[in-house]
Amino acid sequence: MISPNVHPQPEELHPSLWRASQLARCTTRCIDTGHAVLSKQLPNGGWPTGTLVDLLVQQPGIGEIRLLAPALRKVAHKSVVFLQPPHAPQAIALAGMGLAPSQLIWLIWLKSATSSDALWAAEQVLRSGSCGALLFWSTHVRPESLRRLHLAAQARETLFFALRPLAASQDASPAPLRLSLRPAPGGIEIGFLKRRGPQRDEPLFLPLAEHGKALSDRQVSRPAPVAAPAPTRLAAEAGTRSAREEVGH
């Protein structure tokens, strides 16, 4: 029996509860960001797995890959998927960050396909659980499609980042963590649009080491194609009416 003078902690009542003045503690597995100053600002001290993380970028190539590289290295033994990157990944720069070409699967050819094809491919990767991380670039995604991908991510423990334009910050999103990324001298400026914890109005400056551009219009060196997992290979056949109907477009 709890004494009337003792106030239990919210997490003692339910793991999904937390005080508005503190960061949430949940059962979701997290991957350390590799940036101590950022990890201190995130619930459970890292990037959550099995959920949608919304990264709203002012423009591609401002350091978003360098931001994610420490976490990607931790899960790269299961491969990392780049889906619809805005430019061809720069293999030399990625190798300098500790991400070997053999650990990466990039699906650039979907850039010219319909949005439903890309969404379908993303859902298959998430549901398969065969990859350590999925980075999905998209200029426009409907809220219902985001919810579908968020639910697919919850079935596994894949790191799932949706990289979208900063203007999308005005749109609804089921992501429990939403960050804005803007370029800053020597690093990037991170804004906390949504997190399970107290509101933070002040942006966080994060210095980033220079490793060259991970995304480039011109590749210096392009590795041989890496075999994709079975669900991802199915994306090559996307574009059929049944695939589009499955995604809901």
C-alpha atoms as a PDB file:
ATOM      1  CA  MET A   1       0.000   0.000   0.000  1.00  0.00           C
ATOM      2  CA  ILE A   2       1.333   3.432  -0.961  1.00  0.00           C
ATOM      3  CA  SER A   3       1.504   5.977   1.824  1.00  0.00           C
ATOM      4  CA  PRO A   4      -0.639   9.077   1.163  1.00  0.00           C
ATOM      5  CA  ASN A   5       2.461  11.202   1.777  1.00  0.00           C
ATOM      6  CA  VAL A   6       4.519   9.394  -0.873  1.00  0.00           C
ATOM      7  CA  HIS A   7       4.140  10.510  -4.487  1.00  0.00           C
ATOM      8  CA  PRO A   8       5.109   7.732  -6.898  1.00  0.00           C
ATOM      9  CA  GLN A   9       7.113   8.565  -9.996  1.00  0.00           C
ATOM     10  CA  PRO A  10       5.049   8.614 -13.216  1.00  0.00           C
ATOM     11  CA  GLU A  11       7.027   5.723 -14.726  1.00  0.00           C
ATOM     12  CA  GLU A  12       6.139   3.628 -11.664  1.00  0.00           C
ATOM     13  CA  LEU A  13       2.473   3.991 -12.593  1.00  0.00           C
ATOM     14  CA  HIS A  14       2.987   3.353 -16.308  1.00  0.00           C
ATOM     15  CA  PRO A  15       6.106   3.310 -18.524  1.00  0.00           C
ATOM     16  CA  SER A  16       4.455   5.720 -20.979  1.00  0.00           C
ATOM     17  CA  LEU A  17       3.989   8.442 -18.345  1.00  0.00           C
ATOM     18  CA  TRP A  18       6.482  11.197 -17.521  1.00  0.00           C
ATOM     19  CA  ARG A  19       6.475  14.632 -15.948  1.00  0.00           C
ATOM     20  CA  ALA A  20       6.306  17.621 -18.296  1.00  0.00           C
ATOM     21  CA  SER A  21       9.577  18.872 -16.819  1.00  0.00           C
ATOM     22  CA  GLN A  22      11.548  15.718 -17.632  1.00  0.00           C
ATOM     23  CA  LEU A  23      12.458  13.661 -20.670  1.00  0.00           C
ATOM     24  CA  ALA A  24      10.393  10.536 -21.128  1.00  0.00           C
ATOM     25  CA  ARG A  25      11.640   7.106 -20.137  1.00  0.00           C
ATOM     26  CA  CYS A  26      10.213   4.352 -22.261  1.00  0.00           C
ATOM     27  CA  THR A  27      10.852   0.730 -23.093  1.00  0.00           C
ATOM     28  CA  THR A  28      11.851   1.519 -26.678  1.00  0.00           C
ATOM     29  CA  ARG A  29      15.416   0.467 -27.493  1.00  0.00           C
ATOM     30  CA  CYS A  30      17.615   3.410 -28.416  1.00  0.00           C
ATOM     31  CA  ILE A  31      20.912   3.764 -30.269  1.00  0.00           C
ATOM     32  CA  ASP A  32      23.402   6.283 -28.930  1.00  0.00           C
ATOM     33  CA  THR A  33      23.681   9.272 -31.263  1.00  0.00           C
ATOM     34  CA  GLY A  34      27.447   9.470 -30.779  1.00  0.00           C
ATOM     35  CA  HIS A  35      27.030  13.140 -29.858  1.00  0.00           C
ATOM     36  CA  ALA A  36      26.854  13.494 -26.071  1.00  0.00           C
ATOM     37  CA  VAL A  37      25.343  16.975 -26.135  1.00  0.00           C
ATOM     38  CA  LEU A  38      22.514  15.761 -28.389  1.00  0.00           C
ATOM     39  CA  SER A  39      21.912  12.469 -26.571  1.00  0.00           C
ATOM     40  CA  LYS A  40      21.262  14.413 -23.363  1.00  0.00           C
ATOM     41  CA  GLN A  41      18.348  16.129 -25.084  1.00  0.00           C
ATOM     42  CA  LEU A  42      16.629  12.966 -26.299  1.00  0.00           C
ATOM     43  CA  PRO A  43      14.370  10.573 -24.371  1.00  0.00           C
ATOM     44  CA  ASN A  44      16.310   7.475 -23.297  1.00  0.00           C
ATOM     45  CA  GLY A  45      19.469   9.236 -24.460  1.00  0.00           C
ATOM     46  CA  GLY A  46      19.517   8.217 -28.115  1.00  0.00           C
ATOM     47  CA  TRP A  47      17.775   7.608 -31.438  1.00  0.00           C
ATOM     48  CA  PRO A  48      14.685   5.434 -30.873  1.00  0.00           C
ATOM     49  CA  THR A  49      14.377   2.243 -32.907  1.00  0.00           C
ATOM     50  CA  GLY A  50      11.128   0.817 -34.224  1.00  0.00           C
ATOM     51  CA  THR A  51       9.598   4.252 -34.770  1.00  0.00           C
ATOM     52  CA  LEU A  52       9.542   7.132 -37.212  1.00  0.00           C
ATOM     53  CA  VAL A  53      12.077   9.905 -36.619  1.00  0.00           C
ATOM     54  CA  ASP A  54      11.297  13.045 -38.627  1.00  0.00           C
ATOM     55  CA  LEU A  55      14.355  15.059 -39.725  1.00  0.00           C
ATOM     56  CA  LEU A  56      13.328  18.273 -41.455  1.00  0.00           C
ATOM     57  CA  VAL A  57      16.290  19.599 -43.398  1.00  0.00           C
ATOM     58  CA  GLN A  58      16.735  23.115 -44.748  1.00  0.00           C
ATOM     59  CA  GLN A  59      18.586  21.683 -47.744  1.00  0.00           C
ATOM     60  CA  PRO A  60      20.336  18.388 -48.556  1.00  0.00           C
ATOM     61  CA  GLY A  61      24.009  17.971 -47.781  1.00  0.00           C
ATOM     62  CA  ILE A  62      24.269  20.244 -44.726  1.00  0.00           C
ATOM     63  CA  GLY A  63      25.676  17.507 -42.490  1.00  0.00           C
ATOM     64  CA  GLU A  64      22.714  15.203 -41.922  1.00  0.00           C
ATOM     65  CA  ILE A  65      24.730  12.092 -42.793  1.00  0.00           C
ATOM     66  CA  ARG A  66      27.585  13.136 -40.496  1.00  0.00           C
ATOM     67  CA  LEU A  67      24.982  13.633 -37.774  1.00  0.00           C
ATOM     68  CA  LEU A  68      23.650  10.103 -38.199  1.00  0.00           C
ATOM     69  CA  ALA A  69      26.938   8.323 -39.006  1.00  0.00           C
ATOM     70  CA  PRO A  70      27.849   7.259 -35.426  1.00  0.00           C
ATOM     71  CA  ALA A  71      24.476   5.527 -34.988  1.00  0.00           C
ATOM     72  CA  LEU A  72      24.557   4.032 -38.485  1.00  0.00           C
ATOM     73  CA  ARG A  73      27.942   2.450 -37.770  1.00  0.00           C
ATOM     74  CA  LYS A  74      26.424   0.650 -34.787  1.00  0.00           C
ATOM     75  CA  VAL A  75      23.745  -1.047 -36.913  1.00  0.00           C
ATOM     76  CA  ALA A  76      25.584  -1.348 -40.245  1.00  0.00           C
ATOM     77  CA  HIS A  77      26.236  -5.060 -39.692  1.00  0.00           C
ATOM     78  CA  LYS A  78      22.636  -5.479 -40.879  1.00  0.00           C
ATOM     79  CA  SER A  79      23.067  -3.012 -43.762  1.00  0.00           C
ATOM     80  CA  VAL A  80      21.870   0.571 -44.127  1.00  0.00           C
ATOM     81  CA  VAL A  81      19.351   1.493 -46.834  1.00  0.00           C
ATOM     82  CA  PHE A  82      19.398   4.884 -48.572  1.00  0.00           C
ATOM     83  CA  LEU A  83      16.028   5.260 -50.294  1.00  0.00           C
ATOM     84  CA  GLN A  84      15.577   8.121 -52.774  1.00  0.00           C
ATOM     85  CA  PRO A  85      18.618  10.197 -51.716  1.00  0.00           C
ATOM     86  CA  PRO A  86      18.599  13.588 -53.489  1.00  0.00           C
ATOM     87  CA  HIS A  87      22.049  12.900 -54.973  1.00  0.00           C
ATOM     88  CA  ALA A  88      24.211   9.852 -55.559  1.00  0.00           C
ATOM     89  CA  PRO A  89      25.944   8.880 -52.283  1.00  0.00           C
ATOM     90  CA  GLN A  90      29.662   9.714 -52.258  1.00  0.00           C
ATOM     91  CA  ALA A  91      31.355   6.413 -51.457  1.00  0.00           C
ATOM     92  CA  ILE A  92      34.707   7.907 -50.396  1.00  0.00           C
ATOM     93  CA  ALA A  93      33.095  10.316 -47.927  1.00  0.00           C
ATOM     94  CA  LEU A  94      30.912   7.556 -46.476  1.00  0.00           C
ATOM     95  CA  ALA A  95      33.940   5.280 -46.079  1.00  0.00           C
ATOM     96  CA  GLY A  96      35.666   8.112 -44.224  1.00  0.00           C
ATOM     97  CA  MET A  97      32.776   8.069 -41.762  1.00  0.00           C
ATOM     98  CA  GLY A  98      33.245   4.358 -41.177  1.00  0.00           C
ATOM     99  CA  LEU A  99      30.438   3.207 -43.475  1.00  0.00           C
ATOM    100  CA  ALA A 100      31.842   0.742 -45.994  1.00  0.00           C
ATOM    101  CA  PRO A 101      30.122   0.485 -49.408  1.00  0.00           C
ATOM    102  CA  SER A 102      29.448  -3.198 -48.715  1.00  0.00           C
ATOM    103  CA  GLN A 103      27.275  -2.158 -45.751  1.00  0.00           C
ATOM    104  CA  LEU A 104      25.081   0.150 -47.824  1.00  0.00           C
ATOM    105  CA  ILE A 105      22.131  -0.396 -50.107  1.00  0.00           C
ATOM    106  CA  TRP A 106      20.986   2.626 -52.067  1.00  0.00           C
ATOM    107  CA  LEU A 107      17.903   2.749 -54.217  1.00  0.00           C
ATOM    108  CA  ILE A 108      18.399   5.864 -56.311  1.00  0.00           C
ATOM    109  CA  TRP A 109      16.449   4.554 -59.262  1.00  0.00           C
ATOM    110  CA  LEU A 110      13.211   5.141 -57.382  1.00  0.00           C
ATOM    111  CA  LYS A 111      13.825   8.883 -57.623  1.00  0.00           C
ATOM    112  CA  SER A 112      12.124   8.945 -61.003  1.00  0.00           C
ATOM    113  CA  ALA A 113       9.342   6.552 -60.019  1.00  0.00           C
ATOM    114  CA  THR A 114       6.029   7.456 -58.439  1.00  0.00           C
ATOM    115  CA  SER A 115       5.832   8.331 -54.756  1.00  0.00           C
ATOM    116  CA  SER A 116       3.718   5.225 -54.124  1.00  0.00           C
ATOM    117  CA  ASP A 117       6.573   3.022 -55.369  1.00  0.00           C
ATOM    118  CA  ALA A 118       9.006   4.562 -52.891  1.00  0.00           C
ATOM    119  CA  LEU A 119       6.533   4.338 -50.020  1.00  0.00           C
ATOM    120  CA  TRP A 120       5.853   0.704 -50.842  1.00  0.00           C
ATOM    121  CA  ALA A 121       9.590  -0.069 -50.890  1.00  0.00           C
ATOM    122  CA  ALA A 122      10.088   1.713 -47.546  1.00  0.00           C
ATOM    123  CA  GLU A 123       7.294  -0.307 -45.965  1.00  0.00           C
ATOM    124  CA  GLN A 124       8.775  -3.604 -47.171  1.00  0.00           C
ATOM    125  CA  VAL A 125      12.201  -2.730 -45.749  1.00  0.00           C
ATOM    126  CA  LEU A 126      10.686  -1.801 -42.375  1.00  0.00           C
ATOM    127  CA  ARG A 127       8.453  -4.856 -42.101  1.00  0.00           C
ATOM    128  CA  SER A 128      11.235  -7.255 -43.098  1.00  0.00           C
ATOM    129  CA  GLY A 129      13.527  -6.171 -40.265  1.00  0.00           C
ATOM    130  CA  SER A 130      16.461  -7.243 -42.433  1.00  0.00           C
ATOM    131  CA  CYS A 131      18.260  -3.874 -42.283  1.00  0.00           C
ATOM    132  CA  GLY A 132      19.750  -1.952 -39.396  1.00  0.00           C
ATOM    133  CA  ALA A 133      18.589   1.450 -40.635  1.00  0.00           C
ATOM    134  CA  LEU A 134      16.483   3.066 -43.333  1.00  0.00           C
ATOM    135  CA  LEU A 135      17.028   6.645 -44.482  1.00  0.00           C
ATOM    136  CA  PHE A 136      14.086   7.740 -46.606  1.00  0.00           C
ATOM    137  CA  TRP A 137      14.183  11.044 -48.483  1.00  0.00           C
ATOM    138  CA  SER A 138      10.872  12.444 -49.670  1.00  0.00           C
ATOM    139  CA  THR A 139       9.689  15.905 -50.680  1.00  0.00           C
ATOM    140  CA  HIS A 140       6.058  15.205 -49.896  1.00  0.00           C
ATOM    141  CA  VAL A 141       4.332  12.438 -47.941  1.00  0.00           C
ATOM    142  CA  ARG A 142       0.702  12.403 -46.945  1.00  0.00           C
ATOM    143  CA  PRO A 143      -0.012  12.114 -43.197  1.00  0.00           C
ATOM    144  CA  GLU A 144      -1.803   8.789 -43.706  1.00  0.00           C
ATOM    145  CA  SER A 145       1.247   7.392 -45.510  1.00  0.00           C
ATOM    146  CA  LEU A 146       3.499   8.523 -42.670  1.00  0.00           C
ATOM    147  CA  ARG A 147       1.223   6.749 -40.187  1.00  0.00           C
ATOM    148  CA  ARG A 148       1.431   3.568 -42.261  1.00  0.00           C
ATOM    149  CA  LEU A 149       5.234   3.695 -42.265  1.00  0.00           C
ATOM    150  CA  HIS A 150       5.279   4.493 -38.536  1.00  0.00           C
ATOM    151  CA  LEU A 151       3.183   1.386 -37.846  1.00  0.00           C
ATOM    152  CA  ALA A 152       5.425  -0.724 -40.092  1.00  0.00           C
ATOM    153  CA  ALA A 153       8.484   0.491 -38.172  1.00  0.00           C
ATOM    154  CA  GLN A 154       6.935  -0.539 -34.837  1.00  0.00           C
ATOM    155  CA  ALA A 155       6.936  -4.176 -35.920  1.00  0.00           C
ATOM    156  CA  ARG A 156      10.771  -4.252 -35.792  1.00  0.00           C
ATOM    157  CA  GLU A 157      13.747  -2.428 -34.269  1.00  0.00           C
ATOM    158  CA  THR A 158      15.019  -0.715 -37.398  1.00  0.00           C
ATOM    159  CA  LEU A 159      16.361   2.829 -37.151  1.00  0.00           C
ATOM    160  CA  PHE A 160      14.021   4.804 -39.409  1.00  0.00           C
ATOM    161  CA  PHE A 161      14.720   8.389 -40.436  1.00  0.00           C
ATOM    162  CA  ALA A 162      12.481  10.345 -42.811  1.00  0.00           C
ATOM    163  CA  LEU A 163      14.432  13.264 -44.271  1.00  0.00           C
ATOM    164  CA  ARG A 164      12.029  15.860 -45.562  1.00  0.00           C
ATOM    165  CA  PRO A 165      12.038  19.587 -46.429  1.00  0.00           C
ATOM    166  CA  LEU A 166      11.922  22.053 -43.561  1.00  0.00           C
ATOM    167  CA  ALA A 167       8.576  23.347 -44.854  1.00  0.00           C
ATOM    168  CA  ALA A 168       7.040  20.002 -43.821  1.00  0.00           C
ATOM    169  CA  SER A 169       7.359  21.081 -40.178  1.00  0.00           C
ATOM    170  CA  GLN A 170       3.919  22.661 -40.595  1.00  0.00           C
ATOM    171  CA  ASP A 171       2.379  19.316 -41.526  1.00  0.00           C
ATOM    172  CA  ALA A 172       1.020  16.713 -39.115  1.00  0.00           C
ATOM    173  CA  SER A 173       3.280  13.744 -38.329  1.00  0.00           C
ATOM    174  CA  PRO A 174       2.927  10.689 -36.076  1.00  0.00           C
ATOM    175  CA  ALA A 175       6.667  10.787 -35.305  1.00  0.00           C
ATOM    176  CA  PRO A 176       7.336  11.077 -31.550  1.00  0.00           C
ATOM    177  CA  LEU A 177      10.632  12.811 -32.369  1.00  0.00           C
ATOM    178  CA  ARG A 178      10.848  15.668 -34.890  1.00  0.00           C
ATOM    179  CA  LEU A 179      13.993  17.735 -35.365  1.00  0.00           C
ATOM    180  CA  SER A 180      14.790  20.604 -37.713  1.00  0.00           C
ATOM    181  CA  LEU A 181      18.295  20.783 -39.192  1.00  0.00           C
ATOM    182  CA  ARG A 182      19.861  24.019 -40.433  1.00  0.00           C
ATOM    183  CA  PRO A 183      23.446  24.694 -41.538  1.00  0.00           C
ATOM    184  CA  ALA A 184      25.729  26.596 -39.177  1.00  0.00           C
ATOM    185  CA  PRO A 185      29.464  27.451 -39.364  1.00  0.00           C
ATOM    186  CA  GLY A 186      31.359  24.351 -38.243  1.00  0.00           C
ATOM    187  CA  GLY A 187      28.293  22.192 -37.759  1.00  0.00           C
ATOM    188  CA  ILE A 188      24.503  22.229 -37.769  1.00  0.00           C
ATOM    189  CA  GLU A 189      21.760  23.829 -35.728  1.00  0.00           C
ATOM    190  CA  ILE A 190      19.161  21.425 -34.360  1.00  0.00           C
ATOM    191  CA  GLY A 191      15.680  22.561 -33.445  1.00  0.00           C
ATOM    192  CA  PHE A 192      13.421  20.423 -31.240  1.00  0.00           C
ATOM    193  CA  LEU A 193      10.008  20.581 -32.858  1.00  0.00           C
ATOM    194  CA  LYS A 194       8.609  17.587 -30.994  1.00  0.00           C
ATOM    195  CA  ARG A 195       9.930  15.237 -28.342  1.00  0.00           C
ATOM    196  CA  ARG A 196       8.561  13.346 -25.368  1.00  0.00           C
ATOM    197  CA  GLY A 197       9.673  15.813 -22.755  1.00  0.00           C
ATOM    198  CA  PRO A 198       9.810  19.530 -21.980  1.00  0.00           C
ATOM    199  CA  GLN A 199       9.646  21.996 -24.819  1.00  0.00           C
ATOM    200  CA  ARG A 200      12.993  23.438 -25.856  1.00  0.00           C
ATOM    201  CA  ASP A 201      12.800  26.706 -27.763  1.00  0.00           C
ATOM    202  CA  GLU A 202      16.546  27.298 -27.961  1.00  0.00           C
ATOM    203  CA  PRO A 203      18.182  25.450 -30.895  1.00  0.00           C
ATOM    204  CA  LEU A 204      21.178  23.238 -30.191  1.00  0.00           C
ATOM    205  CA  PHE A 205      24.442  23.857 -32.054  1.00  0.00           C
ATOM    206  CA  LEU A 206      26.253  20.627 -32.833  1.00  0.00           C
ATOM    207  CA  PRO A 207      29.815  20.794 -34.212  1.00  0.00           C
ATOM    208  CA  LEU A 208      30.530  18.218 -36.902  1.00  0.00           C
ATOM    209  CA  ALA A 209      33.881  16.906 -38.094  1.00  0.00           C
ATOM    210  CA  GLU A 210      34.600  17.380 -41.783  1.00  0.00           C
ATOM    211  CA  HIS A 211      34.559  14.197 -43.863  1.00  0.00           C
ATOM    212  CA  GLY A 212      33.609  15.664 -47.225  1.00  0.00           C
ATOM    213  CA  LYS A 213      30.107  15.568 -48.655  1.00  0.00           C
ATOM    214  CA  ALA A 214      28.337  12.246 -48.304  1.00  0.00           C
ATOM    215  CA  LEU A 215      25.807  13.179 -50.977  1.00  0.00           C
ATOM    216  CA  SER A 216      27.148  14.603 -54.205  1.00  0.00           C
ATOM    217  CA  ASP A 217      25.865  15.369 -57.693  1.00  0.00           C
ATOM    218  CA  ARG A 218      29.016  13.749 -59.064  1.00  0.00           C
ATOM    219  CA  GLN A 219      30.373  10.569 -57.584  1.00  0.00           C
ATOM    220  CA  VAL A 220      34.121  10.316 -57.291  1.00  0.00           C
ATOM    221  CA  SER A 221      33.915   6.570 -56.892  1.00  0.00           C
ATOM    222  CA  ARG A 222      30.905   4.331 -57.183  1.00  0.00           C
ATOM    223  CA  PRO A 223      31.063   0.838 -55.696  1.00  0.00           C
ATOM    224  CA  ALA A 224      29.592  -2.211 -57.303  1.00  0.00           C
ATOM    225  CA  PRO A 225      25.868  -2.660 -56.570  1.00  0.00           C
ATOM    226  CA  VAL A 226      25.135  -4.407 -53.295  1.00  0.00           C
ATOM    227  CA  ALA A 227      22.547  -7.157 -53.261  1.00  0.00           C
ATOM    228  CA  ALA A 228      19.402  -5.974 -51.559  1.00  0.00           C
ATOM    229  CA  PRO A 229      17.314  -8.118 -49.206  1.00  0.00           C
ATOM    230  CA  ALA A 230      14.409  -9.911 -50.796  1.00  0.00           C
ATOM    231  CA  PRO A 231      11.722  -7.383 -49.738  1.00  0.00           C
ATOM    232  CA  THR A 232      13.822  -4.556 -51.168  1.00  0.00           C
ATOM    233  CA  ARG A 233      14.384  -6.308 -54.477  1.00  0.00           C
ATOM    234  CA  LEU A 234      10.639  -6.409 -54.864  1.00  0.00           C
ATOM    235  CA  ALA A 235      10.746  -2.621 -55.150  1.00  0.00           C
ATOM    236  CA  ALA A 236      12.153  -3.034 -58.653  1.00  0.00           C
ATOM    237  CA  GLU A 237       8.773  -4.369 -59.650  1.00  0.00           C
ATOM    238  CA  ALA A 238       6.898  -1.550 -57.917  1.00  0.00           C
ATOM    239  CA  GLY A 239       4.677   0.592 -60.073  1.00  0.00           C
ATOM    240  CA  THR A 240       2.071  -2.065 -60.577  1.00  0.00           C
ATOM    241  CA  ARG A 241      -1.464  -1.153 -59.703  1.00  0.00           C
ATOM    242  CA  SER A 242      -1.580  -3.518 -56.739  1.00  0.00           C
ATOM    243  CA  ALA A 243       1.535  -1.982 -55.173  1.00  0.00           C
ATOM    244  CA  ARG A 244       0.152   1.526 -55.523  1.00  0.00           C
ATOM    245  CA  GLU A 245      -3.173   0.493 -54.029  1.00  0.00           C
ATOM    246  CA  GLU A 246      -1.383  -1.124 -51.087  1.00  0.00           C
ATOM    247  CA  VAL A 247       0.236   2.168 -50.116  1.00  0.00           C
ATOM    248  CA  GLY A 248      -3.051   3.994 -50.455  1.00  0.00           C
ATOM    249  CA  HIS A 249      -2.353   6.366 -53.376  1.00  0.00           C
END
